[in-house]
Amino acid sequence: MIQLEILQVLDCPNVPLLEQRIEQALAGVSIEWELRHLVIEDSQSAALAGMAGSPTLLVDGHDPLAESNQIPSVSCRLYRDAAGAVDGAPTVSALRRAFGMD
């Protein structure tokens, strides 16, 4: 079973998009998964949880989409697609890679 956890600030507008893309990435596969949410309220909590902006997705406790220059933050997190375009959530293909499916 894959344990997924979304680290987020309260009312993060990109969480629904991330949830939708997670469902798309895992649609039609026989992998069991569980999704939890953790609302982060301050920088110290972000550092302890490993949140590099909201939303951050942890897969089995690790951020597979982390970049080396990211620091803990309660700000918005931006993700780049393969063409370099910026979005508020990772692409479905990036999620599939993070889940070990590609």
C-alpha atoms as a PDB file:
ATOM      1  CA  MET A   1       0.000   0.000   0.000  1.00  0.00           C
ATOM      2  CA  ILE A   2       1.238   3.469  -0.878  1.00  0.00           C
ATOM      3  CA  GLN A   3       0.886   6.013   1.903  1.00  0.00           C
ATOM      4  CA  LEU A   4       0.249   9.473   0.454  1.00  0.00           C
ATOM      5  CA  GLU A   5       0.211  12.615   2.548  1.00  0.00           C
ATOM      6  CA  ILE A   6      -0.526  16.108   1.317  1.00  0.00           C
ATOM      7  CA  LEU A   7       1.183  18.771   3.403  1.00  0.00           C
ATOM      8  CA  GLN A   8      -0.672  22.027   2.921  1.00  0.00           C
ATOM      9  CA  VAL A   9      -1.555  25.412   4.290  1.00  0.00           C
ATOM     10  CA  LEU A  10      -5.179  25.996   5.245  1.00  0.00           C
ATOM     11  CA  ASP A  11      -7.419  26.458   2.180  1.00  0.00           C
ATOM     12  CA  CYS A  12      -4.595  25.936  -0.329  1.00  0.00           C
ATOM     13  CA  PRO A  13      -6.231  26.427  -3.744  1.00  0.00           C
ATOM     14  CA  ASN A  14      -3.963  23.830  -5.411  1.00  0.00           C
ATOM     15  CA  VAL A  15      -4.894  20.890  -3.179  1.00  0.00           C
ATOM     16  CA  PRO A  16      -8.017  19.936  -5.193  1.00  0.00           C
ATOM     17  CA  LEU A  17      -5.917  19.942  -8.386  1.00  0.00           C
ATOM     18  CA  LEU A  18      -3.308  17.697  -6.755  1.00  0.00           C
ATOM     19  CA  GLU A  19      -6.012  15.328  -5.478  1.00  0.00           C
ATOM     20  CA  GLN A  20      -7.522  15.126  -8.968  1.00  0.00           C
ATOM     21  CA  ARG A  21      -4.164  14.366 -10.546  1.00  0.00           C
ATOM     22  CA  ILE A  22      -3.367  11.711  -7.929  1.00  0.00           C
ATOM     23  CA  GLU A  23      -6.646   9.985  -8.766  1.00  0.00           C
ATOM     24  CA  GLN A  24      -5.868  10.211 -12.493  1.00  0.00           C
ATOM     25  CA  ALA A  25      -2.359   8.833 -11.988  1.00  0.00           C
ATOM     26  CA  LEU A  26      -3.632   5.873  -9.978  1.00  0.00           C
ATOM     27  CA  ALA A  27      -6.777   5.178 -12.020  1.00  0.00           C
ATOM     28  CA  GLY A  28      -6.976   1.665 -13.381  1.00  0.00           C
ATOM     29  CA  VAL A  29      -3.999   0.295 -11.465  1.00  0.00           C
ATOM     30  CA  SER A  30      -4.138  -2.367  -8.809  1.00  0.00           C
ATOM     31  CA  ILE A  31      -2.097  -0.431  -6.264  1.00  0.00           C
ATOM     32  CA  GLU A  32      -3.725   0.148  -2.903  1.00  0.00           C
ATOM     33  CA  TRP A  33      -3.242   3.651  -1.567  1.00  0.00           C
ATOM     34  CA  GLU A  34      -4.308   5.860   1.271  1.00  0.00           C
ATOM     35  CA  LEU A  35      -4.375   9.664   1.262  1.00  0.00           C
ATOM     36  CA  ARG A  36      -4.092  11.878   4.312  1.00  0.00           C
ATOM     37  CA  HIS A  37      -3.842  15.632   4.741  1.00  0.00           C
ATOM     38  CA  LEU A  38      -1.781  17.596   7.219  1.00  0.00           C
ATOM     39  CA  VAL A  39      -2.370  21.341   7.577  1.00  0.00           C
ATOM     40  CA  ILE A  40       0.857  23.190   8.344  1.00  0.00           C
ATOM     41  CA  GLU A  41       0.582  26.522  10.108  1.00  0.00           C
ATOM     42  CA  ASP A  42       4.143  27.798  10.627  1.00  0.00           C
ATOM     43  CA  SER A  43       7.719  27.544   9.360  1.00  0.00           C
ATOM     44  CA  GLN A  44       8.872  25.319  12.210  1.00  0.00           C
ATOM     45  CA  SER A  45       6.104  22.800  11.473  1.00  0.00           C
ATOM     46  CA  ALA A  46       6.954  22.976   7.755  1.00  0.00           C
ATOM     47  CA  ALA A  47      10.573  22.118   8.527  1.00  0.00           C
ATOM     48  CA  LEU A  48       9.613  19.222  10.802  1.00  0.00           C
ATOM     49  CA  ALA A  49       7.144  17.771   8.291  1.00  0.00           C
ATOM     50  CA  GLY A  50       9.309  18.343   5.209  1.00  0.00           C
ATOM     51  CA  MET A  51       6.958  20.769   3.457  1.00  0.00           C
ATOM     52  CA  ALA A  52       8.656  22.777   0.719  1.00  0.00           C
ATOM     53  CA  GLY A  53       5.583  24.871  -0.036  1.00  0.00           C
ATOM     54  CA  SER A  54       1.913  24.031  -0.328  1.00  0.00           C
ATOM     55  CA  PRO A  55       0.948  21.530  -1.505  1.00  0.00           C
ATOM     56  CA  THR A  56       3.764  19.061  -0.912  1.00  0.00           C
ATOM     57  CA  LEU A  57       3.084  15.396  -1.566  1.00  0.00           C
ATOM     58  CA  LEU A  58       4.863  12.806   0.533  1.00  0.00           C
ATOM     59  CA  VAL A  59       4.944   9.256  -0.819  1.00  0.00           C
ATOM     60  CA  ASP A  60       5.670   6.789   1.959  1.00  0.00           C
ATOM     61  CA  GLY A  61       7.083   9.673   3.997  1.00  0.00           C
ATOM     62  CA  HIS A  62       9.363  11.132   1.301  1.00  0.00           C
ATOM     63  CA  ASP A  63       8.982  14.003  -1.165  1.00  0.00           C
ATOM     64  CA  PRO A  64       9.825  12.375  -4.522  1.00  0.00           C
ATOM     65  CA  LEU A  65       9.352  15.693  -6.324  1.00  0.00           C
ATOM     66  CA  ALA A  66      11.797  17.662  -4.176  1.00  0.00           C
ATOM     67  CA  GLU A  67      14.397  19.832  -5.832  1.00  0.00           C
ATOM     68  CA  SER A  68      17.804  20.340  -4.258  1.00  0.00           C
ATOM     69  CA  ASN A  69      17.350  24.084  -3.745  1.00  0.00           C
ATOM     70  CA  GLN A  70      13.985  23.897  -1.972  1.00  0.00           C
ATOM     71  CA  ILE A  71      13.684  24.921   1.642  1.00  0.00           C
ATOM     72  CA  PRO A  72      10.861  24.367   4.145  1.00  0.00           C
ATOM     73  CA  SER A  73       8.149  26.929   3.597  1.00  0.00           C
ATOM     74  CA  VAL A  74       4.501  27.780   4.247  1.00  0.00           C
ATOM     75  CA  SER A  75       4.282  29.559   0.880  1.00  0.00           C
ATOM     76  CA  CYS A  76       2.786  28.285  -2.370  1.00  0.00           C
ATOM     77  CA  ARG A  77       4.762  25.566  -4.102  1.00  0.00           C
ATOM     78  CA  LEU A  78       5.154  25.636  -7.856  1.00  0.00           C
ATOM     79  CA  TYR A  79       5.909  22.634 -10.044  1.00  0.00           C
ATOM     80  CA  ARG A  80       7.467  22.633 -13.512  1.00  0.00           C
ATOM     81  CA  ASP A  81       6.357  20.275 -16.251  1.00  0.00           C
ATOM     82  CA  ALA A  82       8.667  18.715 -18.843  1.00  0.00           C
ATOM     83  CA  ALA A  83       8.406  21.837 -21.035  1.00  0.00           C
ATOM     84  CA  GLY A  84       9.231  24.141 -18.115  1.00  0.00           C
ATOM     85  CA  ALA A  85       5.724  25.524 -17.636  1.00  0.00           C
ATOM     86  CA  VAL A  86       4.784  26.299 -14.040  1.00  0.00           C
ATOM     87  CA  ASP A  87       1.696  24.878 -12.310  1.00  0.00           C
ATOM     88  CA  GLY A  88       0.364  24.548  -8.770  1.00  0.00           C
ATOM     89  CA  ALA A  89       0.524  20.729  -8.764  1.00  0.00           C
ATOM     90  CA  PRO A  90       2.710  18.098 -10.417  1.00  0.00           C
ATOM     91  CA  THR A  91       1.574  16.631 -13.719  1.00  0.00           C
ATOM     92  CA  VAL A  92      -0.057  13.212 -13.898  1.00  0.00           C
ATOM     93  CA  SER A  93       3.055  11.815 -15.585  1.00  0.00           C
ATOM     94  CA  ALA A  94       5.308  13.235 -12.828  1.00  0.00           C
ATOM     95  CA  LEU A  95       3.059  11.616 -10.235  1.00  0.00           C
ATOM     96  CA  ARG A  96       3.159   8.281 -12.051  1.00  0.00           C
ATOM     97  CA  ARG A  97       6.975   8.431 -11.970  1.00  0.00           C
ATOM     98  CA  ALA A  98       6.868   9.349  -8.275  1.00  0.00           C
ATOM     99  CA  PHE A  99       4.689   6.297  -7.641  1.00  0.00           C
ATOM    100  CA  GLY A 100       7.174   4.075  -9.523  1.00  0.00           C
ATOM    101  CA  MET A 101       4.777   3.430 -12.398  1.00  0.00           C
ATOM    102  CA  ASP A 102       6.813   4.821 -15.306  1.00  0.00           C
END
